[in-house]
Amino acid sequence: MMDGLTPGAKRWIKYLIAIVIGNLVYFALAPHLPPAARHHPYHADLGLFVDLWFCVAVYGLVELLMFLRERTRH
């Protein structure tokens, strides 16, 4: 999938995937989150950090999947 890319390009693609999917999940779940965990635009609040957590969790899953994919290839 990403065999012909430089390591830096691979990393940025993983970041992009994590941010897009993490934000999709966060905004899909936002109406069901407690009010304190919802992000309010233009404010640094707990919701911003919950959104960040979703992105970091997705990045971890992407890394795990890439690791398992490489491991099964060898």
PDB file of N, CA and C in Angstrom:
ATOM      1  N   MET A   1       0.816  -1.193   0.000  1.00  0.00           N
ATOM      2  CA  MET A   1       0.000   0.000   0.000  1.00  0.00           C
ATOM      3  C   MET A   1       0.858   1.254   0.000  1.00  0.00           C
ATOM      4  N   MET A   2       1.777   1.358   0.964  1.00  0.00           N
ATOM      5  CA  MET A   2       2.623   2.542   1.047  1.00  0.00           C
ATOM      6  C   MET A   2       4.088   2.176   0.870  1.00  0.00           C
ATOM      7  N   ASP A   3       4.354   1.156   0.088  1.00  0.00           N
ATOM      8  CA  ASP A   3       5.718   0.654  -0.043  1.00  0.00           C
ATOM      9  C   ASP A   3       6.661   1.621  -0.746  1.00  0.00           C
ATOM     10  N   GLY A   4       6.182   2.398  -1.708  1.00  0.00           N
ATOM     11  CA  GLY A   4       7.054   3.264  -2.485  1.00  0.00           C
ATOM     12  C   GLY A   4       7.258   4.647  -1.896  1.00  0.00           C
ATOM     13  N   LEU A   5       6.757   4.898  -0.703  1.00  0.00           N
ATOM     14  CA  LEU A   5       6.846   6.227  -0.098  1.00  0.00           C
ATOM     15  C   LEU A   5       8.026   6.317   0.866  1.00  0.00           C
ATOM     16  N   THR A   6       8.482   7.538   1.078  1.00  0.00           N
ATOM     17  CA  THR A   6       9.534   7.763   2.063  1.00  0.00           C
ATOM     18  C   THR A   6       8.949   7.601   3.467  1.00  0.00           C
ATOM     19  N   PRO A   7       9.775   7.342   4.459  1.00  0.00           N
ATOM     20  CA  PRO A   7       9.260   7.205   5.833  1.00  0.00           C
ATOM     21  C   PRO A   7       8.505   8.454   6.309  1.00  0.00           C
ATOM     22  N   GLY A   8       8.989   9.616   5.932  1.00  0.00           N
ATOM     23  CA  GLY A   8       8.295  10.850   6.328  1.00  0.00           C
ATOM     24  C   GLY A   8       6.916  10.962   5.706  1.00  0.00           C
ATOM     25  N   ALA A   9       6.790  10.592   4.443  1.00  0.00           N
ATOM     26  CA  ALA A   9       5.495  10.626   3.762  1.00  0.00           C
ATOM     27  C   ALA A   9       4.535   9.618   4.392  1.00  0.00           C
ATOM     28  N   LYS A  10       5.036   8.439   4.738  1.00  0.00           N
ATOM     29  CA  LYS A  10       4.197   7.432   5.390  1.00  0.00           C
ATOM     30  C   LYS A  10       3.660   7.956   6.718  1.00  0.00           C
ATOM     31  N   ARG A  11       4.533   8.606   7.475  1.00  0.00           N
ATOM     32  CA  ARG A  11       4.139   9.139   8.782  1.00  0.00           C
ATOM     33  C   ARG A  11       3.043  10.193   8.625  1.00  0.00           C
ATOM     34  N   TRP A  12       3.188  11.088   7.641  1.00  0.00           N
ATOM     35  CA  TRP A  12       2.195  12.143   7.438  1.00  0.00           C
ATOM     36  C   TRP A  12       0.868  11.577   6.964  1.00  0.00           C
ATOM     37  N   ILE A  13       0.909  10.515   6.181  1.00  0.00           N
ATOM     38  CA  ILE A  13      -0.337   9.872   5.753  1.00  0.00           C
ATOM     39  C   ILE A  13      -1.034   9.245   6.958  1.00  0.00           C
ATOM     40  N   LYS A  14      -0.260   8.626   7.844  1.00  0.00           N
ATOM     41  CA  LYS A  14      -0.851   8.063   9.063  1.00  0.00           C
ATOM     42  C   LYS A  14      -1.467   9.161   9.925  1.00  0.00           C
ATOM     43  N   TYR A  15      -0.773  10.295  10.047  1.00  0.00           N
ATOM     44  CA  TYR A  15      -1.319  11.425  10.800  1.00  0.00           C
ATOM     45  C   TYR A  15      -2.645  11.885  10.200  1.00  0.00           C
ATOM     46  N   LEU A  16      -2.679  12.019   8.892  1.00  0.00           N
ATOM     47  CA  LEU A  16      -3.886  12.488   8.213  1.00  0.00           C
ATOM     48  C   LEU A  16      -5.041  11.518   8.429  1.00  0.00           C
ATOM     49  N   ILE A  17      -4.771  10.235   8.286  1.00  0.00           N
ATOM     50  CA  ILE A  17      -5.806   9.218   8.509  1.00  0.00           C
ATOM     51  C   ILE A  17      -6.330   9.302   9.943  1.00  0.00           C
ATOM     52  N   ALA A  18      -5.421   9.412  10.905  1.00  0.00           N
ATOM     53  CA  ALA A  18      -5.810   9.471  12.314  1.00  0.00           C
ATOM     54  C   ALA A  18      -6.649  10.716  12.608  1.00  0.00           C
ATOM     55  N   ILE A  19      -6.273  11.855  12.056  1.00  0.00           N
ATOM     56  CA  ILE A  19      -7.010  13.087  12.316  1.00  0.00           C
ATOM     57  C   ILE A  19      -8.399  13.036  11.692  1.00  0.00           C
ATOM     58  N   VAL A  20      -8.483  12.598  10.454  1.00  0.00           N
ATOM     59  CA  VAL A  20      -9.785  12.565   9.768  1.00  0.00           C
ATOM     60  C   VAL A  20     -10.726  11.558  10.432  1.00  0.00           C
ATOM     61  N   ILE A  21     -10.257  10.334  10.639  1.00  0.00           N
ATOM     62  CA  ILE A  21     -11.123   9.314  11.240  1.00  0.00           C
ATOM     63  C   ILE A  21     -11.429   9.655  12.697  1.00  0.00           C
ATOM     64  N   GLY A  22     -10.438  10.131  13.438  1.00  0.00           N
ATOM     65  CA  GLY A  22     -10.664  10.513  14.834  1.00  0.00           C
ATOM     66  C   GLY A  22     -11.705  11.610  14.958  1.00  0.00           C
ATOM     67  N   ASN A  23     -11.636  12.608  14.091  1.00  0.00           N
ATOM     68  CA  ASN A  23     -12.630  13.681  14.132  1.00  0.00           C
ATOM     69  C   ASN A  23     -14.001  13.194  13.692  1.00  0.00           C
ATOM     70  N   LEU A  24     -14.059  12.312  12.695  1.00  0.00           N
ATOM     71  CA  LEU A  24     -15.353  11.747  12.295  1.00  0.00           C
ATOM     72  C   LEU A  24     -16.011  11.000  13.452  1.00  0.00           C
ATOM     73  N   VAL A  25     -15.223  10.193  14.150  1.00  0.00           N
ATOM     74  CA  VAL A  25     -15.761   9.445  15.288  1.00  0.00           C
ATOM     75  C   VAL A  25     -16.204  10.406  16.386  1.00  0.00           C
ATOM     76  N   TYR A  26     -15.370  11.402  16.696  1.00  0.00           N
ATOM     77  CA  TYR A  26     -15.705  12.356  17.755  1.00  0.00           C
ATOM     78  C   TYR A  26     -16.996  13.098  17.428  1.00  0.00           C
ATOM     79  N   PHE A  27     -17.102  13.638  16.217  1.00  0.00           N
ATOM     80  CA  PHE A  27     -18.287  14.418  15.884  1.00  0.00           C
ATOM     81  C   PHE A  27     -19.528  13.540  15.726  1.00  0.00           C
ATOM     82  N   ALA A  28     -19.357  12.270  15.393  1.00  0.00           N
ATOM     83  CA  ALA A  28     -20.498  11.352  15.359  1.00  0.00           C
ATOM     84  C   ALA A  28     -20.996  11.054  16.775  1.00  0.00           C
ATOM     85  N   LEU A  29     -20.062  10.981  17.721  1.00  0.00           N
ATOM     86  CA  LEU A  29     -20.429  10.677  19.107  1.00  0.00           C
ATOM     87  C   LEU A  29     -20.698  11.911  19.950  1.00  0.00           C
ATOM     88  N   ALA A  30     -20.348  13.091  19.481  1.00  0.00           N
ATOM     89  CA  ALA A  30     -20.469  14.317  20.270  1.00  0.00           C
ATOM     90  C   ALA A  30     -21.864  14.541  20.860  1.00  0.00           C
ATOM     91  N   PRO A  31     -22.942  14.317  20.116  1.00  0.00           N
ATOM     92  CA  PRO A  31     -24.262  14.532  20.728  1.00  0.00           C
ATOM     93  C   PRO A  31     -24.546  13.600  21.907  1.00  0.00           C
ATOM     94  N   HIS A  32     -23.832  12.487  21.983  1.00  0.00           N
ATOM     95  CA  HIS A  32     -24.065  11.507  23.041  1.00  0.00           C
ATOM     96  C   HIS A  32     -23.086  11.667  24.207  1.00  0.00           C
ATOM     97  N   LEU A  33     -22.114  12.548  24.066  1.00  0.00           N
ATOM     98  CA  LEU A  33     -21.133  12.774  25.127  1.00  0.00           C
ATOM     99  C   LEU A  33     -21.717  13.705  26.183  1.00  0.00           C
ATOM    100  N   PRO A  34     -21.200  13.644  27.404  1.00  0.00           N
ATOM    101  CA  PRO A  34     -21.638  14.597  28.424  1.00  0.00           C
ATOM    102  C   PRO A  34     -21.317  16.032  27.970  1.00  0.00           C
ATOM    103  N   PRO A  35     -22.097  16.992  28.393  1.00  0.00           N
ATOM    104  CA  PRO A  35     -21.864  18.380  27.945  1.00  0.00           C
ATOM    105  C   PRO A  35     -20.433  18.868  28.166  1.00  0.00           C
ATOM    106  N   ALA A  36     -19.798  18.463  29.235  1.00  0.00           N
ATOM    107  CA  ALA A  36     -18.429  18.921  29.511  1.00  0.00           C
ATOM    108  C   ALA A  36     -17.436  18.360  28.495  1.00  0.00           C
ATOM    109  N   ALA A  37     -17.754  17.232  27.868  1.00  0.00           N
ATOM    110  CA  ALA A  37     -16.839  16.600  26.914  1.00  0.00           C
ATOM    111  C   ALA A  37     -17.075  17.072  25.486  1.00  0.00           C
ATOM    112  N   ARG A  38     -17.989  17.993  25.281  1.00  0.00           N
ATOM    113  CA  ARG A  38     -18.269  18.521  23.948  1.00  0.00           C
ATOM    114  C   ARG A  38     -17.435  19.774  23.713  1.00  0.00           C
ATOM    115  N   HIS A  39     -16.863  19.848  22.537  1.00  0.00           N
ATOM    116  CA  HIS A  39     -16.020  21.004  22.198  1.00  0.00           C
ATOM    117  C   HIS A  39     -16.885  22.180  21.756  1.00  0.00           C
ATOM    118  N   HIS A  40     -16.526  23.354  22.247  1.00  0.00           N
ATOM    119  CA  HIS A  40     -17.183  24.592  21.833  1.00  0.00           C
ATOM    120  C   HIS A  40     -16.170  25.363  20.988  1.00  0.00           C
ATOM    121  N   PRO A  41     -16.551  25.709  19.758  1.00  0.00           N
ATOM    122  CA  PRO A  41     -15.601  26.384  18.856  1.00  0.00           C
ATOM    123  C   PRO A  41     -14.963  27.625  19.487  1.00  0.00           C
ATOM    124  N   TYR A  42     -13.699  27.811  19.168  1.00  0.00           N
ATOM    125  CA  TYR A  42     -12.902  28.964  19.595  1.00  0.00           C
ATOM    126  C   TYR A  42     -12.636  28.998  21.098  1.00  0.00           C
ATOM    127  N   HIS A  43     -12.727  27.833  21.765  1.00  0.00           N
ATOM    128  CA  HIS A  43     -12.411  27.755  23.187  1.00  0.00           C
ATOM    129  C   HIS A  43     -11.509  26.546  23.426  1.00  0.00           C
ATOM    130  N   ALA A  44     -10.580  26.698  24.336  1.00  0.00           N
ATOM    131  CA  ALA A  44      -9.774  25.559  24.784  1.00  0.00           C
ATOM    132  C   ALA A  44     -10.544  24.943  25.947  1.00  0.00           C
ATOM    133  N   ASP A  45     -11.159  23.810  25.697  1.00  0.00           N
ATOM    134  CA  ASP A  45     -11.981  23.181  26.718  1.00  0.00           C
ATOM    135  C   ASP A  45     -11.717  21.674  26.746  1.00  0.00           C
ATOM    136  N   LEU A  46     -12.408  20.993  27.632  1.00  0.00           N
ATOM    137  CA  LEU A  46     -12.215  19.553  27.762  1.00  0.00           C
ATOM    138  C   LEU A  46     -12.581  18.826  26.475  1.00  0.00           C
ATOM    139  N   GLY A  47     -13.575  19.326  25.757  1.00  0.00           N
ATOM    140  CA  GLY A  47     -13.990  18.700  24.501  1.00  0.00           C
ATOM    141  C   GLY A  47     -12.864  18.651  23.480  1.00  0.00           C
ATOM    142  N   LEU A  48     -12.025  19.660  23.479  1.00  0.00           N
ATOM    143  CA  LEU A  48     -10.881  19.693  22.569  1.00  0.00           C
ATOM    144  C   LEU A  48      -9.924  18.540  22.869  1.00  0.00           C
ATOM    145  N   PHE A  49      -9.727  18.266  24.141  1.00  0.00           N
ATOM    146  CA  PHE A  49      -8.831  17.187  24.535  1.00  0.00           C
ATOM    147  C   PHE A  49      -9.465  15.814  24.318  1.00  0.00           C
ATOM    148  N   VAL A  50     -10.792  15.737  24.438  1.00  0.00           N
ATOM    149  CA  VAL A  50     -11.484  14.483  24.115  1.00  0.00           C
ATOM    150  C   VAL A  50     -11.332  14.191  22.626  1.00  0.00           C
ATOM    151  N   ASP A  51     -11.483  15.215  21.801  1.00  0.00           N
ATOM    152  CA  ASP A  51     -11.296  15.075  20.355  1.00  0.00           C
ATOM    153  C   ASP A  51      -9.865  14.622  20.053  1.00  0.00           C
ATOM    154  N   LEU A  52      -8.900  15.226  20.694  1.00  0.00           N
ATOM    155  CA  LEU A  52      -7.496  14.836  20.525  1.00  0.00           C
ATOM    156  C   LEU A  52      -7.293  13.377  20.917  1.00  0.00           C
ATOM    157  N   TRP A  53      -7.930  12.951  21.997  1.00  0.00           N
ATOM    158  CA  TRP A  53      -7.802  11.573  22.454  1.00  0.00           C
ATOM    159  C   TRP A  53      -8.306  10.605  21.394  1.00  0.00           C
ATOM    160  N   PHE A  54      -9.436  10.935  20.750  1.00  0.00           N
ATOM    161  CA  PHE A  54      -9.945  10.078  19.681  1.00  0.00           C
ATOM    162  C   PHE A  54      -8.918   9.964  18.555  1.00  0.00           C
ATOM    163  N   CYS A  55      -8.303  11.079  18.186  1.00  0.00           N
ATOM    164  CA  CYS A  55      -7.304  11.061  17.113  1.00  0.00           C
ATOM    165  C   CYS A  55      -6.084  10.229  17.499  1.00  0.00           C
ATOM    166  N   VAL A  56      -5.632  10.367  18.722  1.00  0.00           N
ATOM    167  CA  VAL A  56      -4.475   9.589  19.196  1.00  0.00           C
ATOM    168  C   VAL A  56      -4.818   8.100  19.239  1.00  0.00           C
ATOM    169  N   ALA A  57      -6.034   7.767  19.661  1.00  0.00           N
ATOM    170  CA  ALA A  57      -6.453   6.368  19.700  1.00  0.00           C
ATOM    171  C   ALA A  57      -6.489   5.775  18.289  1.00  0.00           C
ATOM    172  N   VAL A  58      -6.998   6.530  17.335  1.00  0.00           N
ATOM    173  CA  VAL A  58      -7.029   6.050  15.949  1.00  0.00           C
ATOM    174  C   VAL A  58      -5.606   5.899  15.426  1.00  0.00           C
ATOM    175  N   TYR A  59      -4.713   6.836  15.760  1.00  0.00           N
ATOM    176  CA  TYR A  59      -3.314   6.715  15.329  1.00  0.00           C
ATOM    177  C   TYR A  59      -2.692   5.432  15.882  1.00  0.00           C
ATOM    178  N   GLY A  60      -2.989   5.127  17.132  1.00  0.00           N
ATOM    179  CA  GLY A  60      -2.485   3.884  17.722  1.00  0.00           C
ATOM    180  C   GLY A  60      -3.003   2.661  16.986  1.00  0.00           C
ATOM    181  N   LEU A  61      -4.265   2.685  16.597  1.00  0.00           N
ATOM    182  CA  LEU A  61      -4.821   1.571  15.829  1.00  0.00           C
ATOM    183  C   LEU A  61      -4.169   1.454  14.454  1.00  0.00           C
ATOM    184  N   VAL A  62      -3.929   2.585  13.809  1.00  0.00           N
ATOM    185  CA  VAL A  62      -3.256   2.575  12.507  1.00  0.00           C
ATOM    186  C   VAL A  62      -1.860   1.980  12.649  1.00  0.00           C
ATOM    187  N   GLU A  63      -1.121   2.412  13.652  1.00  0.00           N
ATOM    188  CA  GLU A  63       0.223   1.869  13.884  1.00  0.00           C
ATOM    189  C   GLU A  63       0.174   0.371  14.165  1.00  0.00           C
ATOM    190  N   LEU A  64      -0.793  -0.055  14.977  1.00  0.00           N
ATOM    191  CA  LEU A  64      -0.930  -1.479  15.290  1.00  0.00           C
ATOM    192  C   LEU A  64      -1.233  -2.283  14.031  1.00  0.00           C
ATOM    193  N   LEU A  65      -2.153  -1.790  13.215  1.00  0.00           N
ATOM    194  CA  LEU A  65      -2.497  -2.497  11.978  1.00  0.00           C
ATOM    195  C   LEU A  65      -1.307  -2.572  11.026  1.00  0.00           C
ATOM    196  N   MET A  66      -0.541  -1.502  10.913  1.00  0.00           N
ATOM    197  CA  MET A  66       0.638  -1.510  10.046  1.00  0.00           C
ATOM    198  C   MET A  66       1.690  -2.486  10.589  1.00  0.00           C
ATOM    199  N   PHE A  67       1.862  -2.512  11.905  1.00  0.00           N
ATOM    200  CA  PHE A  67       2.807  -3.438  12.523  1.00  0.00           C
ATOM    201  C   PHE A  67       2.403  -4.888  12.259  1.00  0.00           C
ATOM    202  N   LEU A  68       1.124  -5.194  12.461  1.00  0.00           N
ATOM    203  CA  LEU A  68       0.646  -6.554  12.240  1.00  0.00           C
ATOM    204  C   LEU A  68       0.730  -6.938  10.769  1.00  0.00           C
ATOM    205  N   ARG A  69       0.487  -5.984   9.885  1.00  0.00           N
ATOM    206  CA  ARG A  69       0.588  -6.248   8.453  1.00  0.00           C
ATOM    207  C   ARG A  69       2.031  -6.594   8.070  1.00  0.00           C
ATOM    208  N   GLU A  70       2.987  -5.825   8.573  1.00  0.00           N
ATOM    209  CA  GLU A  70       4.402  -6.101   8.296  1.00  0.00           C
ATOM    210  C   GLU A  70       4.840  -7.427   8.898  1.00  0.00           C
ATOM    211  N   ARG A  71       4.331  -7.720  10.085  1.00  0.00           N
ATOM    212  CA  ARG A  71       4.711  -8.949  10.765  1.00  0.00           C
ATOM    213  C   ARG A  71       4.237 -10.185  10.027  1.00  0.00           C
ATOM    214  N   THR A  72       3.029 -10.113   9.447  1.00  0.00           N
ATOM    215  CA  THR A  72       2.505 -11.275   8.727  1.00  0.00           C
ATOM    216  C   THR A  72       3.136 -11.438   7.358  1.00  0.00           C
ATOM    217  N   ARG A  73       3.751 -10.376   6.829  1.00  0.00           N
ATOM    218  CA  ARG A  73       4.407 -10.459   5.525  1.00  0.00           C
ATOM    219  C   ARG A  73       5.708 -11.251   5.591  1.00  0.00           C
ATOM    220  N   HIS A  74       6.347 -11.270   6.756  1.00  0.00           N
ATOM    221  CA  HIS A  74       7.661 -11.920   6.867  1.00  0.00           C
ATOM    222  C   HIS A  74       7.539 -13.284   7.416  1.00  0.00           C
TER     223      HIS A  74
END
